[in-house]
Amino acid sequence: MPEEPQIPESVQGPRVTPATGRTAPTPRPVPGPRSAATPRPAPPARRPRPTSATPAAPAPAAPGPAGRKPPEEHSAAQFQLIPAPADGAIDAAEEAVDLLLDSGRSPGDILVLTTGELHPWAAHELSFGEAAYWSQHDAGDDVFFASTAGVGRCASRAVVVVAVNGDLDDTAARGLSEVRERAGVLLIVCGDPQTVNSALGAGV
């Protein structure tokens, strides 16, 4: 007798059929960290900067052991000269400050001095009286702007930025020399190289 063809038994159970007309849900993009906009300050008031809650690391332009207090001897401070004309010295100093802050330097570590006219922020704050002005210096929690003529009243800070925005008379030259004693880690001078070297000495 001829063999009957064998019919395989069908597997029992639910069949999984691909759904038609449905598309896989598109994953939503995960929002990343927002970069804070840092518009340039408009005189006379400089934009406030929050003090970092964590210890700030030294800026790349200011190499030094992290976590150490600024040495008392000004000779240990690194000196940097940024060539700039007198009418552009303040702008160069502000650029240097922005780079320091963006690198992680705490605002309270920075002192900005001018040899000529006051920085617009300092002139604005002095309009409310010297007591209120110097109280901000004593608080030491933000960048402070002053004149080299009053550097004797300023406390030492890790970084001192000087804008040579005017001719150096005897008073300004002496003040510029005293500035070296106020810088613990880094001294940045923005101005004409010949003028700066004549005031500080060619060995800087």
C-alpha atoms as a PDB file:
ATOM      1  CA  MET A   1       0.000   0.000   0.000  1.00  0.00           C
ATOM      2  CA  PRO A   2       1.278   3.460  -0.797  1.00  0.00           C
ATOM      3  CA  GLU A   3       2.323   5.466   2.239  1.00  0.00           C
ATOM      4  CA  GLU A   4      -0.011   8.226   3.167  1.00  0.00           C
ATOM      5  CA  PRO A   5       1.619  11.630   3.308  1.00  0.00           C
ATOM      6  CA  GLN A   6       2.282  12.755   6.855  1.00  0.00           C
ATOM      7  CA  ILE A   7       0.776  16.117   7.795  1.00  0.00           C
ATOM      8  CA  PRO A   8       2.770  17.894  10.506  1.00  0.00           C
ATOM      9  CA  GLU A   9       0.784  18.965  13.463  1.00  0.00           C
ATOM     10  CA  SER A  10       0.472  22.695  13.859  1.00  0.00           C
ATOM     11  CA  VAL A  11       1.992  24.174  16.970  1.00  0.00           C
ATOM     12  CA  GLN A  12      -0.681  25.274  19.338  1.00  0.00           C
ATOM     13  CA  GLY A  13      -0.528  28.663  21.020  1.00  0.00           C
ATOM     14  CA  PRO A  14      -0.882  32.310  20.169  1.00  0.00           C
ATOM     15  CA  ARG A  15       0.772  33.504  17.036  1.00  0.00           C
ATOM     16  CA  VAL A  16       2.893  36.646  17.143  1.00  0.00           C
ATOM     17  CA  THR A  17       2.217  38.699  14.102  1.00  0.00           C
ATOM     18  CA  PRO A  18       3.871  42.012  13.444  1.00  0.00           C
ATOM     19  CA  ALA A  19       1.508  44.855  13.993  1.00  0.00           C
ATOM     20  CA  THR A  20       0.702  46.698  10.870  1.00  0.00           C
ATOM     21  CA  GLY A  21       0.195  50.407  10.728  1.00  0.00           C
ATOM     22  CA  ARG A  22       2.145  51.019  13.952  1.00  0.00           C
ATOM     23  CA  THR A  23       5.579  52.587  14.163  1.00  0.00           C
ATOM     24  CA  ALA A  24       8.035  52.327  16.989  1.00  0.00           C
ATOM     25  CA  PRO A  25       7.882  55.359  19.284  1.00  0.00           C
ATOM     26  CA  THR A  26      10.629  57.823  18.547  1.00  0.00           C
ATOM     27  CA  PRO A  27      12.831  58.346  21.616  1.00  0.00           C
ATOM     28  CA  ARG A  28      12.663  61.867  22.927  1.00  0.00           C
ATOM     29  CA  PRO A  29      15.971  63.722  23.069  1.00  0.00           C
ATOM     30  CA  VAL A  30      17.345  64.147  26.555  1.00  0.00           C
ATOM     31  CA  PRO A  31      18.019  67.795  27.241  1.00  0.00           C
ATOM     32  CA  GLY A  32      21.671  68.460  27.972  1.00  0.00           C
ATOM     33  CA  PRO A  33      23.192  71.039  30.277  1.00  0.00           C
ATOM     34  CA  ARG A  34      22.465  74.557  29.285  1.00  0.00           C
ATOM     35  CA  SER A  35      25.396  76.846  28.777  1.00  0.00           C
ATOM     36  CA  ALA A  36      24.956  80.054  30.709  1.00  0.00           C
ATOM     37  CA  ALA A  37      25.020  83.136  28.579  1.00  0.00           C
ATOM     38  CA  THR A  38      27.686  85.569  29.680  1.00  0.00           C
ATOM     39  CA  PRO A  39      27.027  88.914  28.038  1.00  0.00           C
ATOM     40  CA  ARG A  40      29.715  91.521  28.480  1.00  0.00           C
ATOM     41  CA  PRO A  41      29.062  93.935  31.346  1.00  0.00           C
ATOM     42  CA  ALA A  42      27.627  97.322  30.570  1.00  0.00           C
ATOM     43  CA  PRO A  43      29.185 100.230  32.490  1.00  0.00           C
ATOM     44  CA  PRO A  44      28.901 101.522  35.065  1.00  0.00           C
ATOM     45  CA  ALA A  45      27.923  98.371  36.976  1.00  0.00           C
ATOM     46  CA  ARG A  46      29.752  95.148  36.260  1.00  0.00           C
ATOM     47  CA  ARG A  47      27.638  92.019  36.143  1.00  0.00           C
ATOM     48  CA  PRO A  48      27.607  90.075  39.409  1.00  0.00           C
ATOM     49  CA  ARG A  49      29.183  86.646  39.399  1.00  0.00           C
ATOM     50  CA  PRO A  50      28.164  83.974  41.892  1.00  0.00           C
ATOM     51  CA  THR A  51      30.860  82.710  44.147  1.00  0.00           C
ATOM     52  CA  SER A  52      31.676  79.097  43.460  1.00  0.00           C
ATOM     53  CA  ALA A  53      30.619  76.715  46.195  1.00  0.00           C
ATOM     54  CA  THR A  54      33.603  74.473  45.589  1.00  0.00           C
ATOM     55  CA  PRO A  55      37.256  75.464  45.898  1.00  0.00           C
ATOM     56  CA  ALA A  56      38.377  77.036  42.663  1.00  0.00           C
ATOM     57  CA  ALA A  57      41.270  75.527  40.784  1.00  0.00           C
ATOM     58  CA  PRO A  58      44.061  77.840  39.651  1.00  0.00           C
ATOM     59  CA  ALA A  59      43.641  79.223  36.158  1.00  0.00           C
ATOM     60  CA  PRO A  60      45.818  77.646  33.457  1.00  0.00           C
ATOM     61  CA  ALA A  61      47.576  80.965  33.040  1.00  0.00           C
ATOM     62  CA  ALA A  62      48.434  80.958  36.731  1.00  0.00           C
ATOM     63  CA  PRO A  63      50.208  77.690  37.494  1.00  0.00           C
ATOM     64  CA  GLY A  64      50.623  76.966  41.143  1.00  0.00           C
ATOM     65  CA  PRO A  65      49.955  74.221  43.669  1.00  0.00           C
ATOM     66  CA  ALA A  66      46.246  73.842  44.200  1.00  0.00           C
ATOM     67  CA  GLY A  67      45.007  74.189  47.741  1.00  0.00           C
ATOM     68  CA  ARG A  68      47.965  76.250  48.942  1.00  0.00           C
ATOM     69  CA  LYS A  69      47.539  79.702  50.359  1.00  0.00           C
ATOM     70  CA  PRO A  70      49.225  82.501  48.444  1.00  0.00           C
ATOM     71  CA  PRO A  71      52.777  83.012  49.704  1.00  0.00           C
ATOM     72  CA  GLU A  72      53.613  86.211  51.455  1.00  0.00           C
ATOM     73  CA  GLU A  73      56.616  86.928  49.232  1.00  0.00           C
ATOM     74  CA  HIS A  74      55.563  88.701  46.048  1.00  0.00           C
ATOM     75  CA  SER A  75      58.596  87.207  44.284  1.00  0.00           C
ATOM     76  CA  ALA A  76      56.730  83.875  44.156  1.00  0.00           C
ATOM     77  CA  ALA A  77      53.939  85.405  42.078  1.00  0.00           C
ATOM     78  CA  GLN A  78      54.067  84.833  38.346  1.00  0.00           C
ATOM     79  CA  PHE A  79      54.182  87.970  36.220  1.00  0.00           C
ATOM     80  CA  GLN A  80      52.347  88.318  32.909  1.00  0.00           C
ATOM     81  CA  LEU A  81      52.355  91.367  30.641  1.00  0.00           C
ATOM     82  CA  ILE A  82      49.506  91.897  28.177  1.00  0.00           C
ATOM     83  CA  PRO A  83      50.413  94.599  25.639  1.00  0.00           C
ATOM     84  CA  ALA A  84      47.608  97.131  25.346  1.00  0.00           C
ATOM     85  CA  PRO A  85      47.276 100.849  24.610  1.00  0.00           C
ATOM     86  CA  ALA A  86      46.232 103.152  27.394  1.00  0.00           C
ATOM     87  CA  ASP A  87      42.705 103.517  26.037  1.00  0.00           C
ATOM     88  CA  GLY A  88      42.331  99.748  25.727  1.00  0.00           C
ATOM     89  CA  ALA A  89      43.958  98.673  29.001  1.00  0.00           C
ATOM     90  CA  ILE A  90      40.668  98.358  30.912  1.00  0.00           C
ATOM     91  CA  ASP A  91      39.141  96.209  28.174  1.00  0.00           C
ATOM     92  CA  ALA A  92      42.229  93.973  28.211  1.00  0.00           C
ATOM     93  CA  ALA A  93      42.011  93.697  31.992  1.00  0.00           C
ATOM     94  CA  GLU A  94      38.340  92.711  31.810  1.00  0.00           C
ATOM     95  CA  GLU A  95      39.170  90.035  29.234  1.00  0.00           C
ATOM     96  CA  ALA A  96      41.845  88.680  31.578  1.00  0.00           C
ATOM     97  CA  VAL A  97      39.365  88.618  34.466  1.00  0.00           C
ATOM     98  CA  ASP A  98      36.784  86.782  32.360  1.00  0.00           C
ATOM     99  CA  LEU A  99      39.353  84.149  31.398  1.00  0.00           C
ATOM    100  CA  LEU A 100      40.336  83.675  35.030  1.00  0.00           C
ATOM    101  CA  LEU A 101      36.718  83.265  36.135  1.00  0.00           C
ATOM    102  CA  ASP A 102      35.901  80.928  33.256  1.00  0.00           C
ATOM    103  CA  SER A 103      38.912  78.815  34.245  1.00  0.00           C
ATOM    104  CA  GLY A 104      37.505  78.356  37.744  1.00  0.00           C
ATOM    105  CA  ARG A 105      39.177  81.124  39.692  1.00  0.00           C
ATOM    106  CA  SER A 106      36.991  82.415  42.517  1.00  0.00           C
ATOM    107  CA  PRO A 107      35.830  86.032  42.089  1.00  0.00           C
ATOM    108  CA  GLY A 108      37.071  86.846  45.568  1.00  0.00           C
ATOM    109  CA  ASP A 109      40.603  85.925  44.491  1.00  0.00           C
ATOM    110  CA  ILE A 110      40.870  88.785  41.999  1.00  0.00           C
ATOM    111  CA  LEU A 111      41.767  92.434  42.508  1.00  0.00           C
ATOM    112  CA  VAL A 112      41.690  94.827  39.538  1.00  0.00           C
ATOM    113  CA  LEU A 113      43.576  98.116  39.718  1.00  0.00           C
ATOM    114  CA  THR A 114      43.798 101.064  37.353  1.00  0.00           C
ATOM    115  CA  THR A 115      46.631 103.597  37.164  1.00  0.00           C
ATOM    116  CA  GLY A 116      44.540 106.322  35.533  1.00  0.00           C
ATOM    117  CA  GLU A 117      40.785 106.809  35.652  1.00  0.00           C
ATOM    118  CA  LEU A 118      38.800 104.490  37.870  1.00  0.00           C
ATOM    119  CA  HIS A 119      37.069 101.484  36.403  1.00  0.00           C
ATOM    120  CA  PRO A 120      33.386 102.381  35.743  1.00  0.00           C
ATOM    121  CA  TRP A 121      32.286  99.903  38.412  1.00  0.00           C
ATOM    122  CA  ALA A 122      34.503 101.522  41.052  1.00  0.00           C
ATOM    123  CA  ALA A 123      33.363 105.016  40.102  1.00  0.00           C
ATOM    124  CA  HIS A 124      29.737 103.907  40.314  1.00  0.00           C
ATOM    125  CA  GLU A 125      30.105 102.246  43.711  1.00  0.00           C
ATOM    126  CA  LEU A 126      32.025 105.199  45.154  1.00  0.00           C
ATOM    127  CA  SER A 127      29.043 107.384  44.350  1.00  0.00           C
ATOM    128  CA  PHE A 128      27.279 105.663  47.273  1.00  0.00           C
ATOM    129  CA  GLY A 129      30.081 106.553  49.670  1.00  0.00           C
ATOM    130  CA  GLU A 130      33.467 105.137  50.565  1.00  0.00           C
ATOM    131  CA  ALA A 131      32.104 103.128  53.487  1.00  0.00           C
ATOM    132  CA  ALA A 132      29.802 101.086  51.266  1.00  0.00           C
ATOM    133  CA  TYR A 133      32.501 100.816  48.615  1.00  0.00           C
ATOM    134  CA  TRP A 134      35.221  99.461  50.901  1.00  0.00           C
ATOM    135  CA  SER A 135      32.786  97.170  52.692  1.00  0.00           C
ATOM    136  CA  GLN A 136      32.597  95.196  49.443  1.00  0.00           C
ATOM    137  CA  HIS A 137      36.376  94.933  49.469  1.00  0.00           C
ATOM    138  CA  ASP A 138      36.363  93.688  53.054  1.00  0.00           C
ATOM    139  CA  ALA A 139      33.692  91.097  52.247  1.00  0.00           C
ATOM    140  CA  GLY A 140      36.119  89.557  49.746  1.00  0.00           C
ATOM    141  CA  ASP A 141      33.491  87.549  47.889  1.00  0.00           C
ATOM    142  CA  ASP A 142      33.662  89.231  44.479  1.00  0.00           C
ATOM    143  CA  VAL A 143      36.060  90.888  42.066  1.00  0.00           C
ATOM    144  CA  PHE A 144      37.071  94.266  43.455  1.00  0.00           C
ATOM    145  CA  PHE A 145      38.103  97.304  41.409  1.00  0.00           C
ATOM    146  CA  ALA A 146      40.263 100.090  42.807  1.00  0.00           C
ATOM    147  CA  SER A 147      43.031 102.512  41.900  1.00  0.00           C
ATOM    148  CA  THR A 148      46.752 101.991  42.344  1.00  0.00           C
ATOM    149  CA  ALA A 149      46.708 105.208  44.361  1.00  0.00           C
ATOM    150  CA  GLY A 150      44.708 103.370  47.029  1.00  0.00           C
ATOM    151  CA  VAL A 151      46.529 100.055  46.809  1.00  0.00           C
ATOM    152  CA  GLY A 152      47.826 100.517  50.347  1.00  0.00           C
ATOM    153  CA  ARG A 153      44.288  99.974  51.612  1.00  0.00           C
ATOM    154  CA  CYS A 154      43.751  96.831  49.529  1.00  0.00           C
ATOM    155  CA  ALA A 155      44.371  93.422  51.028  1.00  0.00           C
ATOM    156  CA  SER A 156      46.473  90.847  49.213  1.00  0.00           C
ATOM    157  CA  ARG A 157      44.655  88.586  46.783  1.00  0.00           C
ATOM    158  CA  ALA A 158      45.759  85.576  44.793  1.00  0.00           C
ATOM    159  CA  VAL A 159      45.531  87.404  41.458  1.00  0.00           C
ATOM    160  CA  VAL A 160      46.024  91.095  40.810  1.00  0.00           C
ATOM    161  CA  VAL A 161      45.211  92.568  37.394  1.00  0.00           C
ATOM    162  CA  VAL A 162      46.481  96.071  36.623  1.00  0.00           C
ATOM    163  CA  ALA A 163      45.244  98.247  33.778  1.00  0.00           C
ATOM    164  CA  VAL A 164      47.798 100.921  32.884  1.00  0.00           C
ATOM    165  CA  ASN A 165      45.174 103.251  31.441  1.00  0.00           C
ATOM    166  CA  GLY A 166      47.055 106.521  31.850  1.00  0.00           C
ATOM    167  CA  ASP A 167      50.447 108.129  32.134  1.00  0.00           C
ATOM    168  CA  LEU A 168      52.466 106.924  35.098  1.00  0.00           C
ATOM    169  CA  ASP A 169      53.310 109.858  37.303  1.00  0.00           C
ATOM    170  CA  ASP A 170      55.394 109.382  40.431  1.00  0.00           C
ATOM    171  CA  THR A 171      52.364 108.431  42.539  1.00  0.00           C
ATOM    172  CA  ALA A 172      51.059 105.917  40.013  1.00  0.00           C
ATOM    173  CA  ALA A 173      54.529 104.443  39.491  1.00  0.00           C
ATOM    174  CA  ARG A 174      54.977 103.933  43.224  1.00  0.00           C
ATOM    175  CA  GLY A 175      51.531 102.384  43.433  1.00  0.00           C
ATOM    176  CA  LEU A 176      52.339 100.033  40.575  1.00  0.00           C
ATOM    177  CA  SER A 177      55.476  98.929  42.404  1.00  0.00           C
ATOM    178  CA  GLU A 178      53.473  98.239  45.551  1.00  0.00           C
ATOM    179  CA  VAL A 179      51.052  96.119  43.561  1.00  0.00           C
ATOM    180  CA  ARG A 180      53.630  93.335  43.390  1.00  0.00           C
ATOM    181  CA  GLU A 181      53.263  92.892  47.133  1.00  0.00           C
ATOM    182  CA  ARG A 182      49.499  92.355  46.786  1.00  0.00           C
ATOM    183  CA  ALA A 183      49.662  89.455  44.327  1.00  0.00           C
ATOM    184  CA  GLY A 184      49.951  86.026  45.894  1.00  0.00           C
ATOM    185  CA  VAL A 185      49.999  83.794  42.792  1.00  0.00           C
ATOM    186  CA  LEU A 186      49.717  85.893  39.640  1.00  0.00           C
ATOM    187  CA  LEU A 187      50.259  89.510  38.634  1.00  0.00           C
ATOM    188  CA  ILE A 188      48.847  90.547  35.248  1.00  0.00           C
ATOM    189  CA  VAL A 189      49.647  94.005  33.897  1.00  0.00           C
ATOM    190  CA  CYS A 190      47.841  95.318  30.814  1.00  0.00           C
ATOM    191  CA  GLY A 191      49.587  98.257  29.214  1.00  0.00           C
ATOM    192  CA  ASP A 192      52.467  99.528  27.139  1.00  0.00           C
ATOM    193  CA  PRO A 193      55.456  97.194  27.696  1.00  0.00           C
ATOM    194  CA  GLN A 194      58.008 100.008  27.786  1.00  0.00           C
ATOM    195  CA  THR A 195      55.972 101.970  30.324  1.00  0.00           C
ATOM    196  CA  VAL A 196      55.413  98.916  32.496  1.00  0.00           C
ATOM    197  CA  ASN A 197      59.065  97.863  32.430  1.00  0.00           C
ATOM    198  CA  SER A 198      60.217 101.339  33.350  1.00  0.00           C
ATOM    199  CA  ALA A 199      57.920 101.305  36.395  1.00  0.00           C
ATOM    200  CA  LEU A 200      58.439  97.739  37.564  1.00  0.00           C
ATOM    201  CA  GLY A 201      61.965  97.170  36.322  1.00  0.00           C
ATOM    202  CA  ALA A 202      63.223  95.238  33.336  1.00  0.00           C
ATOM    203  CA  GLY A 203      63.684  92.129  35.446  1.00  0.00           C
ATOM    204  CA  VAL A 204      59.971  91.403  35.788  1.00  0.00           C
END
